[in-house]
Amino acid sequence: MTTWQIVRLVAGTFILLSLALGIPGSPVFASQWWLAFTAFVGVNLLQSGLTKWCLMETILRKLGVRPGC
């Protein structure tokens, strides 16, 4: 897998997990504060799209994951 694939996989997982934990009707509901984490991930994706820089991708490259095109 390439860095951009991992970033998107992790972001999608975080969004779905935090929605499951933050929506009151969910069987795994914990607190509505989890929705703030959903917003945080969304803001980071927006920032990454506008600036073409992503901290997680930088970290993955330093760990030896091959960059994507």
N, C-alpha and C. Protein backbone atom coordinates (compact mmCIF):
# COMPACT_ATOMS: atom_id res chain seq x y z
N MET A 1 0.83 -1.19 0.00
CA MET A 1 0.00 0.00 0.00
C MET A 1 0.88 1.25 0.00
N THR A 2 0.36 2.29 -0.58
CA THR A 2 1.10 3.55 -0.62
C THR A 2 0.61 4.48 0.49
N THR A 3 1.34 5.57 0.69
CA THR A 3 1.02 6.48 1.78
C THR A 3 -0.39 7.06 1.64
N TRP A 4 -0.76 7.47 0.43
CA TRP A 4 -2.07 8.09 0.28
C TRP A 4 -3.19 7.08 0.52
N GLN A 5 -2.96 5.82 0.19
CA GLN A 5 -3.98 4.81 0.45
C GLN A 5 -4.15 4.58 1.96
N ILE A 6 -3.05 4.55 2.69
CA ILE A 6 -3.11 4.36 4.14
C ILE A 6 -3.78 5.55 4.81
N VAL A 7 -3.43 6.76 4.38
CA VAL A 7 -4.05 7.96 4.96
C VAL A 7 -5.56 7.92 4.78
N ARG A 8 -6.02 7.59 3.60
CA ARG A 8 -7.46 7.56 3.35
C ARG A 8 -8.13 6.41 4.10
N LEU A 9 -7.47 5.28 4.20
CA LEU A 9 -8.01 4.15 4.95
C LEU A 9 -8.16 4.49 6.43
N VAL A 10 -7.14 5.11 7.02
CA VAL A 10 -7.19 5.50 8.43
C VAL A 10 -8.24 6.59 8.65
N ALA A 11 -8.28 7.58 7.78
CA ALA A 11 -9.26 8.67 7.93
C ALA A 11 -10.69 8.13 7.85
N GLY A 12 -10.94 7.28 6.89
CA GLY A 12 -12.28 6.69 6.77
C GLY A 12 -12.66 5.86 7.98
N THR A 13 -11.71 5.08 8.49
CA THR A 13 -11.95 4.27 9.68
C THR A 13 -12.24 5.15 10.88
N PHE A 14 -11.43 6.21 11.07
CA PHE A 14 -11.64 7.13 12.19
C PHE A 14 -13.01 7.80 12.11
N ILE A 15 -13.41 8.21 10.92
CA ILE A 15 -14.71 8.88 10.75
C ILE A 15 -15.85 7.93 11.09
N LEU A 16 -15.82 6.73 10.54
CA LEU A 16 -16.89 5.78 10.81
C LEU A 16 -16.94 5.37 12.28
N LEU A 17 -15.78 5.15 12.89
CA LEU A 17 -15.72 4.77 14.30
C LEU A 17 -16.22 5.89 15.20
N SER A 18 -15.78 7.13 14.93
CA SER A 18 -16.21 8.24 15.78
C SER A 18 -17.70 8.54 15.59
N LEU A 19 -18.24 8.33 14.40
CA LEU A 19 -19.68 8.48 14.21
C LEU A 19 -20.45 7.42 14.99
N ALA A 20 -19.95 6.19 14.95
CA ALA A 20 -20.61 5.11 15.70
C ALA A 20 -20.59 5.39 17.20
N LEU A 21 -19.50 5.98 17.69
CA LEU A 21 -19.39 6.28 19.12
C LEU A 21 -20.13 7.56 19.51
N GLY A 22 -20.42 8.42 18.53
CA GLY A 22 -20.99 9.73 18.85
C GLY A 22 -22.46 9.93 18.56
N ILE A 23 -23.08 9.03 17.81
CA ILE A 23 -24.50 9.17 17.48
C ILE A 23 -25.33 8.41 18.51
N PRO A 24 -26.25 9.10 19.18
CA PRO A 24 -27.02 8.47 20.27
C PRO A 24 -27.76 7.19 19.89
N GLY A 25 -28.19 7.03 18.67
CA GLY A 25 -28.93 5.83 18.28
C GLY A 25 -28.05 4.62 18.03
N SER A 26 -26.75 4.80 18.05
CA SER A 26 -25.81 3.71 17.75
C SER A 26 -25.73 2.73 18.92
N PRO A 27 -25.58 1.44 18.62
CA PRO A 27 -25.47 0.46 19.70
C PRO A 27 -24.17 0.59 20.51
N VAL A 28 -23.18 1.28 19.97
CA VAL A 28 -21.90 1.46 20.69
C VAL A 28 -21.71 2.91 21.14
N PHE A 29 -22.81 3.65 21.26
CA PHE A 29 -22.75 5.06 21.65
C PHE A 29 -21.99 5.23 22.96
N ALA A 30 -21.07 6.20 22.98
CA ALA A 30 -20.32 6.50 24.20
C ALA A 30 -20.59 7.94 24.66
N SER A 31 -20.41 8.89 23.75
CA SER A 31 -20.60 10.31 24.07
C SER A 31 -20.71 11.10 22.78
N GLN A 32 -21.50 12.16 22.82
CA GLN A 32 -21.60 13.00 21.62
C GLN A 32 -20.31 13.75 21.34
N TRP A 33 -19.41 13.81 22.30
CA TRP A 33 -18.12 14.47 22.09
C TRP A 33 -17.27 13.77 21.03
N TRP A 34 -17.60 12.52 20.70
CA TRP A 34 -16.88 11.82 19.63
C TRP A 34 -17.11 12.51 18.29
N LEU A 35 -18.20 13.24 18.16
CA LEU A 35 -18.47 13.95 16.92
C LEU A 35 -17.45 15.07 16.69
N ALA A 36 -16.85 15.57 17.76
CA ALA A 36 -15.77 16.55 17.62
C ALA A 36 -14.56 15.91 16.94
N PHE A 37 -14.32 14.64 17.23
CA PHE A 37 -13.21 13.94 16.56
C PHE A 37 -13.51 13.77 15.07
N THR A 38 -14.77 13.51 14.74
CA THR A 38 -15.17 13.42 13.34
C THR A 38 -14.86 14.75 12.63
N ALA A 39 -15.21 15.86 13.28
CA ALA A 39 -14.93 17.18 12.71
C ALA A 39 -13.44 17.42 12.57
N PHE A 40 -12.65 16.98 13.56
CA PHE A 40 -11.20 17.14 13.52
C PHE A 40 -10.61 16.42 12.30
N VAL A 41 -11.04 15.20 12.06
CA VAL A 41 -10.55 14.45 10.90
C VAL A 41 -10.96 15.16 9.61
N GLY A 42 -12.19 15.64 9.55
CA GLY A 42 -12.66 16.36 8.37
C GLY A 42 -11.87 17.62 8.10
N VAL A 43 -11.56 18.38 9.15
CA VAL A 43 -10.76 19.60 9.01
C VAL A 43 -9.35 19.26 8.51
N ASN A 44 -8.78 18.18 9.02
CA ASN A 44 -7.45 17.77 8.56
C ASN A 44 -7.47 17.34 7.10
N LEU A 45 -8.53 16.66 6.67
CA LEU A 45 -8.64 16.29 5.26
C LEU A 45 -8.78 17.54 4.38
N LEU A 46 -9.57 18.49 4.84
CA LEU A 46 -9.73 19.75 4.11
C LEU A 46 -8.40 20.50 4.01
N GLN A 47 -7.69 20.61 5.12
CA GLN A 47 -6.39 21.28 5.14
C GLN A 47 -5.42 20.58 4.20
N SER A 48 -5.41 19.26 4.22
CA SER A 48 -4.52 18.49 3.37
C SER A 48 -4.82 18.73 1.89
N GLY A 49 -6.11 18.81 1.56
CA GLY A 49 -6.49 19.05 0.17
C GLY A 49 -6.12 20.44 -0.31
N LEU A 50 -6.17 21.42 0.59
CA LEU A 50 -5.86 22.80 0.20
C LEU A 50 -4.36 23.08 0.16
N THR A 51 -3.61 22.49 1.09
CA THR A 51 -2.18 22.80 1.18
C THR A 51 -1.29 21.75 0.53
N LYS A 52 -1.87 20.61 0.17
CA LYS A 52 -1.13 19.48 -0.41
C LYS A 52 -0.04 18.98 0.54
N TRP A 53 -0.29 19.07 1.85
CA TRP A 53 0.62 18.56 2.86
C TRP A 53 -0.18 17.84 3.93
N CYS A 54 0.29 16.67 4.33
CA CYS A 54 -0.39 15.87 5.33
C CYS A 54 0.66 15.32 6.30
N LEU A 55 0.50 15.61 7.58
CA LEU A 55 1.45 15.16 8.59
C LEU A 55 1.55 13.64 8.62
N MET A 56 0.43 12.96 8.55
CA MET A 56 0.45 11.49 8.61
C MET A 56 1.21 10.91 7.42
N GLU A 57 1.05 11.51 6.26
CA GLU A 57 1.77 11.03 5.08
C GLU A 57 3.27 11.24 5.25
N THR A 58 3.66 12.36 5.83
CA THR A 58 5.07 12.63 6.10
C THR A 58 5.64 11.59 7.06
N ILE A 59 4.89 11.27 8.10
CA ILE A 59 5.33 10.27 9.08
C ILE A 59 5.45 8.89 8.42
N LEU A 60 4.48 8.52 7.60
CA LEU A 60 4.51 7.23 6.92
C LEU A 60 5.72 7.12 6.00
N ARG A 61 6.05 8.20 5.30
CA ARG A 61 7.23 8.19 4.43
C ARG A 61 8.50 7.97 5.22
N LYS A 62 8.61 8.61 6.40
CA LYS A 62 9.79 8.43 7.25
C LYS A 62 9.87 7.01 7.80
N LEU A 63 8.72 6.34 7.91
CA LEU A 63 8.70 4.96 8.37
C LEU A 63 8.99 3.97 7.23
N GLY A 64 9.16 4.49 6.02
CA GLY A 64 9.55 3.65 4.91
C GLY A 64 8.43 3.19 4.00
N VAL A 65 7.23 3.70 4.20
CA VAL A 65 6.11 3.34 3.31
C VAL A 65 6.32 4.08 1.99
N ARG A 66 6.10 3.39 0.90
CA ARG A 66 6.37 4.03 -0.39
C ARG A 66 5.31 5.07 -0.71
N PRO A 67 5.76 6.21 -1.22
CA PRO A 67 4.81 7.29 -1.55
C PRO A 67 3.93 6.91 -2.72
N GLY A 68 2.73 7.45 -2.74
CA GLY A 68 1.79 7.21 -3.83
C GLY A 68 1.89 8.32 -4.86
N CYS A 69 1.26 8.07 -6.01
CA CYS A 69 1.27 9.06 -7.09
C CYS A 69 0.03 9.89 -7.06
